[in-house]
Amino acid sequence: MTWEMLSAIGQLVAALGVIPSLIYLAIQIREQNKERRRAGINVLTVQWGDLVKSAQESADFSAVFLEGIRSFHRLDPVAKLRFSAFFTRFTRNCEGMFLYYRDGALDKALWGEVERTISDYFAYPGVKEWWSTRKHWLTDEFRTVVEALIAKNPEPILYAAYKLDSPPNA
């Protein structure tokens, strides 16, 4: 056996030894990416829970919210500020989920849930009125998504069972 053959055999063995290392590295990278996605989605889920809690724990805010979805413009300045703070947090949270979806970190099914939620809220005239005052705060990409959902002109049915248009004590 010549030195050249020994060298070639050594190179082949070395190359074959690298393959399992590359496979292991690919598996580790994939697992790290999954964990990163889970962590990001967990953060967004916690933020969503905090957002929902604001209406759940405050009857006063709930009244502002229900009036605001009917008409943002009719709210007094303090109520406008509170309503706007809620929807700023809501849209920022949804924009974060959109960015995760766009980057492949959020499944299409989960993004579909977010889109339906956005569509349900933005079906109400007060939310559309608010949107016209704050949409410039969000990315062009996300604004395009929301505008497309609004353009579908969905019926405002999210709170239909609440009889928002009925007079009090009816």
C-alpha atoms as a PDB file:
ATOM      1  CA  MET A   1       0.000   0.000   0.000  1.00  0.00           C
ATOM      2  CA  THR A   2       1.352   3.392  -0.956  1.00  0.00           C
ATOM      3  CA  TRP A   3       1.296   6.592   1.017  1.00  0.00           C
ATOM      4  CA  GLU A   4      -1.190   8.005  -1.446  1.00  0.00           C
ATOM      5  CA  MET A   5      -3.626   5.134  -0.830  1.00  0.00           C
ATOM      6  CA  LEU A   6      -3.199   5.460   2.922  1.00  0.00           C
ATOM      7  CA  SER A   7      -3.822   9.193   2.633  1.00  0.00           C
ATOM      8  CA  ALA A   8      -6.962   8.599   0.539  1.00  0.00           C
ATOM      9  CA  ILE A   9      -8.264   6.015   3.021  1.00  0.00           C
ATOM     10  CA  GLY A  10      -7.540   8.419   5.885  1.00  0.00           C
ATOM     11  CA  GLN A  11      -9.440  11.195   4.128  1.00  0.00           C
ATOM     12  CA  LEU A  12     -12.383   8.859   3.466  1.00  0.00           C
ATOM     13  CA  VAL A  13     -12.505   7.770   7.111  1.00  0.00           C
ATOM     14  CA  ALA A  14     -12.302  11.408   8.240  1.00  0.00           C
ATOM     15  CA  ALA A  15     -15.094  12.395   5.854  1.00  0.00           C
ATOM     16  CA  LEU A  16     -17.273   9.529   7.083  1.00  0.00           C
ATOM     17  CA  GLY A  17     -16.608  10.619  10.662  1.00  0.00           C
ATOM     18  CA  VAL A  18     -17.841  14.136   9.907  1.00  0.00           C
ATOM     19  CA  ILE A  19     -21.258  12.951   8.640  1.00  0.00           C
ATOM     20  CA  PRO A  20     -22.602  11.864  12.055  1.00  0.00           C
ATOM     21  CA  SER A  21     -21.346  15.157  13.516  1.00  0.00           C
ATOM     22  CA  LEU A  22     -23.199  17.121  10.851  1.00  0.00           C
ATOM     23  CA  ILE A  23     -26.371  15.112  11.434  1.00  0.00           C
ATOM     24  CA  TYR A  24     -26.098  15.711  15.191  1.00  0.00           C
ATOM     25  CA  LEU A  25     -25.518  19.429  14.613  1.00  0.00           C
ATOM     26  CA  ALA A  26     -28.557  19.673  12.295  1.00  0.00           C
ATOM     27  CA  ILE A  27     -30.743  17.945  14.895  1.00  0.00           C
ATOM     28  CA  GLN A  28     -29.511  20.316  17.623  1.00  0.00           C
ATOM     29  CA  ILE A  29     -30.157  23.399  15.468  1.00  0.00           C
ATOM     30  CA  ARG A  30     -33.660  22.174  14.629  1.00  0.00           C
ATOM     31  CA  GLU A  31     -34.432  21.594  18.321  1.00  0.00           C
ATOM     32  CA  GLN A  32     -33.082  25.034  19.250  1.00  0.00           C
ATOM     33  CA  ASN A  33     -35.292  26.621  16.586  1.00  0.00           C
ATOM     34  CA  LYS A  34     -38.337  24.762  17.915  1.00  0.00           C
ATOM     35  CA  GLU A  35     -37.555  25.912  21.444  1.00  0.00           C
ATOM     36  CA  ARG A  36     -37.088  29.497  20.269  1.00  0.00           C
ATOM     37  CA  ARG A  37     -40.471  29.369  18.541  1.00  0.00           C
ATOM     38  CA  ARG A  38     -42.131  27.938  21.635  1.00  0.00           C
ATOM     39  CA  ALA A  39     -40.580  30.614  23.825  1.00  0.00           C
ATOM     40  CA  GLY A  40     -41.714  33.384  21.471  1.00  0.00           C
ATOM     41  CA  ILE A  41     -45.230  32.023  21.233  1.00  0.00           C
ATOM     42  CA  ASN A  42     -45.316  31.627  25.018  1.00  0.00           C
ATOM     43  CA  VAL A  43     -44.425  35.317  25.430  1.00  0.00           C
ATOM     44  CA  LEU A  44     -47.183  36.312  23.012  1.00  0.00           C
ATOM     45  CA  THR A  45     -49.675  34.034  24.790  1.00  0.00           C
ATOM     46  CA  VAL A  46     -48.843  35.616  28.144  1.00  0.00           C
ATOM     47  CA  GLN A  47     -49.236  39.081  26.632  1.00  0.00           C
ATOM     48  CA  TRP A  48     -52.606  38.041  25.196  1.00  0.00           C
ATOM     49  CA  GLY A  49     -53.738  36.754  28.585  1.00  0.00           C
ATOM     50  CA  ASP A  50     -52.738  40.028  30.236  1.00  0.00           C
ATOM     51  CA  LEU A  51     -54.678  41.935  27.606  1.00  0.00           C
ATOM     52  CA  VAL A  52     -57.852  39.910  28.108  1.00  0.00           C
ATOM     53  CA  LYS A  53     -57.483  40.238  31.862  1.00  0.00           C
ATOM     54  CA  SER A  54     -57.826  44.031  31.607  1.00  0.00           C
ATOM     55  CA  ALA A  55     -61.441  43.675  30.484  1.00  0.00           C
ATOM     56  CA  GLN A  56     -62.136  40.726  32.742  1.00  0.00           C
ATOM     57  CA  GLU A  57     -61.053  42.443  35.932  1.00  0.00           C
ATOM     58  CA  SER A  58     -62.528  45.909  35.375  1.00  0.00           C
ATOM     59  CA  ALA A  59     -66.245  46.474  34.918  1.00  0.00           C
ATOM     60  CA  ASP A  60     -65.459  50.139  34.248  1.00  0.00           C
ATOM     61  CA  PHE A  61     -63.110  49.260  31.392  1.00  0.00           C
ATOM     62  CA  SER A  62     -65.563  46.677  30.066  1.00  0.00           C
ATOM     63  CA  ALA A  63     -68.180  49.441  29.758  1.00  0.00           C
ATOM     64  CA  VAL A  64     -65.667  51.685  27.957  1.00  0.00           C
ATOM     65  CA  PHE A  65     -64.734  48.797  25.679  1.00  0.00           C
ATOM     66  CA  LEU A  66     -68.319  47.939  24.731  1.00  0.00           C
ATOM     67  CA  GLU A  67     -69.154  51.590  24.090  1.00  0.00           C
ATOM     68  CA  GLY A  68     -65.932  52.098  22.179  1.00  0.00           C
ATOM     69  CA  ILE A  69     -66.496  49.256  19.741  1.00  0.00           C
ATOM     70  CA  ARG A  70     -69.770  50.932  18.815  1.00  0.00           C
ATOM     71  CA  SER A  71     -68.206  54.388  18.416  1.00  0.00           C
ATOM     72  CA  PHE A  72     -64.701  55.483  19.256  1.00  0.00           C
ATOM     73  CA  HIS A  73     -65.550  59.099  18.398  1.00  0.00           C
ATOM     74  CA  ARG A  74     -68.361  59.278  20.982  1.00  0.00           C
ATOM     75  CA  LEU A  75     -66.062  58.304  23.851  1.00  0.00           C
ATOM     76  CA  ASP A  76     -64.901  61.053  26.205  1.00  0.00           C
ATOM     77  CA  PRO A  77     -61.130  61.788  26.124  1.00  0.00           C
ATOM     78  CA  VAL A  78     -60.252  59.559  29.097  1.00  0.00           C
ATOM     79  CA  ALA A  79     -62.270  56.649  27.705  1.00  0.00           C
ATOM     80  CA  LYS A  80     -60.631  57.185  24.290  1.00  0.00           C
ATOM     81  CA  LEU A  81     -57.244  56.938  25.946  1.00  0.00           C
ATOM     82  CA  ARG A  82     -58.141  53.703  27.724  1.00  0.00           C
ATOM     83  CA  PHE A  83     -59.767  52.183  24.621  1.00  0.00           C
ATOM     84  CA  SER A  84     -56.797  53.231  22.513  1.00  0.00           C
ATOM     85  CA  ALA A  85     -54.325  51.749  24.990  1.00  0.00           C
ATOM     86  CA  PHE A  86     -56.175  48.427  24.850  1.00  0.00           C
ATOM     87  CA  PHE A  87     -56.258  48.300  21.052  1.00  0.00           C
ATOM     88  CA  THR A  88     -52.677  49.478  20.751  1.00  0.00           C
ATOM     89  CA  ARG A  89     -51.636  46.514  22.893  1.00  0.00           C
ATOM     90  CA  PHE A  90     -54.005  44.241  20.951  1.00  0.00           C
ATOM     91  CA  THR A  91     -52.669  45.244  17.532  1.00  0.00           C
ATOM     92  CA  ARG A  92     -49.041  45.128  18.692  1.00  0.00           C
ATOM     93  CA  ASN A  93     -49.631  41.622  20.022  1.00  0.00           C
ATOM     94  CA  CYS A  94     -51.250  40.576  16.739  1.00  0.00           C
ATOM     95  CA  GLU A  95     -48.425  42.189  14.779  1.00  0.00           C
ATOM     96  CA  GLY A  96     -45.942  40.144  16.814  1.00  0.00           C
ATOM     97  CA  MET A  97     -47.863  36.988  15.969  1.00  0.00           C
ATOM     98  CA  PHE A  98     -47.925  38.040  12.312  1.00  0.00           C
ATOM     99  CA  LEU A  99     -44.151  38.455  12.324  1.00  0.00           C
ATOM    100  CA  TYR A 100     -43.763  35.001  13.859  1.00  0.00           C
ATOM    101  CA  TYR A 101     -46.106  33.611  11.186  1.00  0.00           C
ATOM    102  CA  ARG A 102     -44.288  35.406   8.374  1.00  0.00           C
ATOM    103  CA  ASP A 103     -40.961  34.059   9.616  1.00  0.00           C
ATOM    104  CA  GLY A 104     -42.314  30.507   9.860  1.00  0.00           C
ATOM    105  CA  ALA A 105     -42.356  30.341  13.652  1.00  0.00           C
ATOM    106  CA  LEU A 106     -46.153  30.291  13.972  1.00  0.00           C
ATOM    107  CA  ASP A 107     -48.244  27.568  12.340  1.00  0.00           C
ATOM    108  CA  LYS A 108     -50.760  28.537   9.682  1.00  0.00           C
ATOM    109  CA  ALA A 109     -53.628  27.189  11.821  1.00  0.00           C
ATOM    110  CA  LEU A 110     -52.633  29.388  14.761  1.00  0.00           C
ATOM    111  CA  TRP A 111     -52.236  32.411  12.505  1.00  0.00           C
ATOM    112  CA  GLY A 112     -55.734  31.669  11.160  1.00  0.00           C
ATOM    113  CA  GLU A 113     -57.066  31.989  14.725  1.00  0.00           C
ATOM    114  CA  VAL A 114     -55.364  35.368  15.073  1.00  0.00           C
ATOM    115  CA  GLU A 115     -56.768  36.556  11.734  1.00  0.00           C
ATOM    116  CA  ARG A 116     -60.298  35.557  12.755  1.00  0.00           C
ATOM    117  CA  THR A 117     -59.891  37.416  16.050  1.00  0.00           C
ATOM    118  CA  ILE A 118     -58.655  40.537  14.257  1.00  0.00           C
ATOM    119  CA  SER A 119     -61.525  40.251  11.798  1.00  0.00           C
ATOM    120  CA  ASP A 120     -64.074  39.897  14.615  1.00  0.00           C
ATOM    121  CA  TYR A 121     -62.845  43.014  16.427  1.00  0.00           C
ATOM    122  CA  PHE A 122     -62.354  45.129  13.308  1.00  0.00           C
ATOM    123  CA  ALA A 123     -65.895  44.407  12.139  1.00  0.00           C
ATOM    124  CA  TYR A 124     -67.092  46.980  14.688  1.00  0.00           C
ATOM    125  CA  PRO A 125     -67.337  50.637  13.628  1.00  0.00           C
ATOM    126  CA  GLY A 126     -65.598  51.976  16.737  1.00  0.00           C
ATOM    127  CA  VAL A 127     -62.570  49.772  16.193  1.00  0.00           C
ATOM    128  CA  LYS A 128     -62.360  50.915  12.563  1.00  0.00           C
ATOM    129  CA  GLU A 129     -62.569  54.533  13.774  1.00  0.00           C
ATOM    130  CA  TRP A 130     -59.754  53.876  16.232  1.00  0.00           C
ATOM    131  CA  TRP A 131     -57.720  52.126  13.517  1.00  0.00           C
ATOM    132  CA  SER A 132     -57.813  55.223  11.333  1.00  0.00           C
ATOM    133  CA  THR A 133     -56.106  57.171  14.150  1.00  0.00           C
ATOM    134  CA  ARG A 134     -53.321  54.693  14.939  1.00  0.00           C
ATOM    135  CA  LYS A 135     -52.628  52.405  11.979  1.00  0.00           C
ATOM    136  CA  HIS A 136     -49.550  54.457  11.067  1.00  0.00           C
ATOM    137  CA  TRP A 137     -47.843  53.100  14.210  1.00  0.00           C
ATOM    138  CA  LEU A 138     -47.630  49.585  12.738  1.00  0.00           C
ATOM    139  CA  THR A 139     -45.527  48.053   9.989  1.00  0.00           C
ATOM    140  CA  ASP A 140     -46.661  48.424   6.398  1.00  0.00           C
ATOM    141  CA  GLU A 141     -46.886  44.643   6.086  1.00  0.00           C
ATOM    142  CA  PHE A 142     -49.169  44.226   9.077  1.00  0.00           C
ATOM    143  CA  ARG A 143     -51.304  47.225   8.091  1.00  0.00           C
ATOM    144  CA  THR A 144     -51.857  45.550   4.731  1.00  0.00           C
ATOM    145  CA  VAL A 145     -53.068  42.383   6.500  1.00  0.00           C
ATOM    146  CA  VAL A 146     -55.509  44.298   8.716  1.00  0.00           C
ATOM    147  CA  GLU A 147     -56.750  46.460   5.827  1.00  0.00           C
ATOM    148  CA  ALA A 148     -57.438  43.293   3.796  1.00  0.00           C
ATOM    149  CA  LEU A 149     -59.458  41.840   6.687  1.00  0.00           C
ATOM    150  CA  ILE A 150     -61.417  45.083   7.060  1.00  0.00           C
ATOM    151  CA  ALA A 151     -62.052  45.177   3.295  1.00  0.00           C
ATOM    152  CA  LYS A 152     -63.885  41.844   3.562  1.00  0.00           C
ATOM    153  CA  ASN A 153     -66.482  43.829   5.529  1.00  0.00           C
ATOM    154  CA  PRO A 154     -67.339  41.148   8.089  1.00  0.00           C
ATOM    155  CA  GLU A 155     -70.514  41.388  10.120  1.00  0.00           C
ATOM    156  CA  PRO A 156     -69.984  42.552  13.705  1.00  0.00           C
ATOM    157  CA  ILE A 157     -71.163  39.365  15.423  1.00  0.00           C
ATOM    158  CA  LEU A 158     -68.528  38.885  18.134  1.00  0.00           C
ATOM    159  CA  TYR A 159     -70.735  40.529  20.763  1.00  0.00           C
ATOM    160  CA  ALA A 160     -74.107  39.997  19.060  1.00  0.00           C
ATOM    161  CA  ALA A 161     -75.441  38.096  22.060  1.00  0.00           C
ATOM    162  CA  TYR A 162     -74.708  41.167  24.238  1.00  0.00           C
ATOM    163  CA  LYS A 163     -77.434  43.161  22.449  1.00  0.00           C
ATOM    164  CA  LEU A 164     -75.254  46.255  22.278  1.00  0.00           C
ATOM    165  CA  ASP A 165     -77.790  48.175  20.214  1.00  0.00           C
ATOM    166  CA  SER A 166     -80.651  47.530  22.629  1.00  0.00           C
ATOM    167  CA  PRO A 167     -81.592  50.247  25.096  1.00  0.00           C
ATOM    168  CA  PRO A 168     -80.483  49.562  28.690  1.00  0.00           C
ATOM    169  CA  ASN A 169     -82.773  47.314  30.733  1.00  0.00           C
ATOM    170  CA  ALA A 170     -84.612  46.176  27.613  1.00  0.00           C
END
